[in-house]
Amino acid sequence: MSQLASEIWSELKRYINTVDRGEAADTLVAVLVDHDIDADDIRDAFKGDSEVKRALTSYLDDAEDSEEYDEEYEDENDE
């Protein structure tokens, strides 16, 4: 699935304005993750695409921050 997404992205990104590609890559990564595509599979399929790699890194950082916040919130409520 991630390989197909990579091929589609390669064909479609030329129709996306350069300034909008980052946001489009963010959306692409979010959709792939929402469909249970593993981050390593995404990284492998898009290894030559800087926009998608940046979007994946950002997504994973945000997810990690969210998990840390959730853990802190749970700890505060347990007391």
C-alpha atoms as a PDB file:
ATOM      1  CA  MET A   1       0.000   0.000   0.000  1.00  0.00           C
ATOM      2  CA  SER A   2       2.759   2.462   0.873  1.00  0.00           C
ATOM      3  CA  GLN A   3       4.492   1.709  -2.422  1.00  0.00           C
ATOM      4  CA  LEU A   4       1.294   2.538  -4.319  1.00  0.00           C
ATOM      5  CA  ALA A   5       0.930   5.749  -2.315  1.00  0.00           C
ATOM      6  CA  SER A   6       4.511   6.655  -3.219  1.00  0.00           C
ATOM      7  CA  GLU A   7       3.826   6.204  -6.915  1.00  0.00           C
ATOM      8  CA  ILE A   8       0.626   8.254  -6.714  1.00  0.00           C
ATOM      9  CA  TRP A   9       2.427  10.993  -4.763  1.00  0.00           C
ATOM     10  CA  SER A  10       5.236  11.078  -7.343  1.00  0.00           C
ATOM     11  CA  GLU A  11       2.748  11.591 -10.150  1.00  0.00           C
ATOM     12  CA  LEU A  12       0.510  14.111  -8.382  1.00  0.00           C
ATOM     13  CA  LYS A  13       3.002  16.323  -6.555  1.00  0.00           C
ATOM     14  CA  ARG A  14       4.009  18.101  -9.740  1.00  0.00           C
ATOM     15  CA  TYR A  15       0.472  19.494  -9.854  1.00  0.00           C
ATOM     16  CA  ILE A  16       0.752  20.846  -6.297  1.00  0.00           C
ATOM     17  CA  ASN A  17       2.297  24.289  -5.883  1.00  0.00           C
ATOM     18  CA  THR A  18       5.719  24.059  -4.267  1.00  0.00           C
ATOM     19  CA  VAL A  19       4.601  26.139  -1.268  1.00  0.00           C
ATOM     20  CA  ASP A  20       1.690  23.735  -0.666  1.00  0.00           C
ATOM     21  CA  ARG A  21       3.627  20.471  -0.904  1.00  0.00           C
ATOM     22  CA  GLY A  22       4.563  20.409   2.776  1.00  0.00           C
ATOM     23  CA  GLU A  23       0.937  20.571   3.849  1.00  0.00           C
ATOM     24  CA  ALA A  24      -0.016  17.987   1.226  1.00  0.00           C
ATOM     25  CA  ALA A  25       2.738  15.680   2.508  1.00  0.00           C
ATOM     26  CA  ASP A  26       1.449  16.164   6.073  1.00  0.00           C
ATOM     27  CA  THR A  27      -1.992  15.071   4.937  1.00  0.00           C
ATOM     28  CA  LEU A  28      -0.593  12.106   3.017  1.00  0.00           C
ATOM     29  CA  VAL A  29       1.329  10.864   6.054  1.00  0.00           C
ATOM     30  CA  ALA A  30      -1.691  11.310   8.332  1.00  0.00           C
ATOM     31  CA  VAL A  31      -3.886   9.291   5.960  1.00  0.00           C
ATOM     32  CA  LEU A  32      -1.322   6.508   5.659  1.00  0.00           C
ATOM     33  CA  VAL A  33      -0.876   6.281   9.428  1.00  0.00           C
ATOM     34  CA  ASP A  34      -4.642   6.372   9.930  1.00  0.00           C
ATOM     35  CA  HIS A  35      -4.830   3.329   7.646  1.00  0.00           C
ATOM     36  CA  ASP A  36      -2.314   1.471   9.822  1.00  0.00           C
ATOM     37  CA  ILE A  37       0.664   1.825   7.506  1.00  0.00           C
ATOM     38  CA  ASP A  38       3.796   1.423   9.632  1.00  0.00           C
ATOM     39  CA  ALA A  39       6.150   4.414   9.864  1.00  0.00           C
ATOM     40  CA  ASP A  40       9.081   2.262   8.702  1.00  0.00           C
ATOM     41  CA  ASP A  41       7.118   1.208   5.612  1.00  0.00           C
ATOM     42  CA  ILE A  42       6.328   4.846   4.849  1.00  0.00           C
ATOM     43  CA  ARG A  43       9.977   5.790   5.335  1.00  0.00           C
ATOM     44  CA  ASP A  44      11.102   2.995   2.991  1.00  0.00           C
ATOM     45  CA  ALA A  45       8.555   3.801   0.290  1.00  0.00           C
ATOM     46  CA  PHE A  46       9.281   7.543   0.333  1.00  0.00           C
ATOM     47  CA  LYS A  47      13.022   7.425   1.044  1.00  0.00           C
ATOM     48  CA  GLY A  48      13.826   9.807  -1.807  1.00  0.00           C
ATOM     49  CA  ASP A  49      11.170  12.400  -0.988  1.00  0.00           C
ATOM     50  CA  SER A  50      12.204  15.138   1.424  1.00  0.00           C
ATOM     51  CA  GLU A  51       8.674  16.536   1.914  1.00  0.00           C
ATOM     52  CA  VAL A  52       7.231  13.197   3.006  1.00  0.00           C
ATOM     53  CA  LYS A  53      10.240  12.396   5.209  1.00  0.00           C
ATOM     54  CA  ARG A  54       9.849  15.768   6.951  1.00  0.00           C
ATOM     55  CA  ALA A  55       6.112  15.227   7.324  1.00  0.00           C
ATOM     56  CA  LEU A  56       6.643  11.767   8.803  1.00  0.00           C
ATOM     57  CA  THR A  57       9.225  13.060  11.271  1.00  0.00           C
ATOM     58  CA  SER A  58       6.886  15.862  12.285  1.00  0.00           C
ATOM     59  CA  TYR A  59       3.957  13.472  12.650  1.00  0.00           C
ATOM     60  CA  LEU A  60       5.961  11.083  14.811  1.00  0.00           C
ATOM     61  CA  ASP A  61       7.273  13.944  16.975  1.00  0.00           C
ATOM     62  CA  ASP A  62       3.741  15.259  17.462  1.00  0.00           C
ATOM     63  CA  ALA A  63       2.470  11.776  18.330  1.00  0.00           C
ATOM     64  CA  GLU A  64       5.267  11.327  20.858  1.00  0.00           C
ATOM     65  CA  ASP A  65       4.514  14.734  22.425  1.00  0.00           C
ATOM     66  CA  SER A  66       0.841  13.795  22.605  1.00  0.00           C
ATOM     67  CA  GLU A  67       1.633  10.489  24.322  1.00  0.00           C
ATOM     68  CA  GLU A  68       3.853  12.269  26.861  1.00  0.00           C
ATOM     69  CA  TYR A  69       1.078  14.775  27.580  1.00  0.00           C
ATOM     70  CA  ASP A  70      -1.446  11.953  28.002  1.00  0.00           C
ATOM     71  CA  GLU A  71       0.871  10.157  30.430  1.00  0.00           C
ATOM     72  CA  GLU A  72       1.401  13.344  32.457  1.00  0.00           C
ATOM     73  CA  TYR A  73      -2.350  13.976  32.537  1.00  0.00           C
ATOM     74  CA  GLU A  74      -3.029  10.418  33.717  1.00  0.00           C
ATOM     75  CA  ASP A  75      -0.359  10.716  36.418  1.00  0.00           C
ATOM     76  CA  GLU A  76      -1.881  13.963  37.698  1.00  0.00           C
ATOM     77  CA  ASN A  77      -5.356  12.423  37.857  1.00  0.00           C
ATOM     78  CA  ASP A  78      -4.135   9.304  39.644  1.00  0.00           C
ATOM     79  CA  GLU A  79      -2.957  11.328  42.626  1.00  0.00           C
END
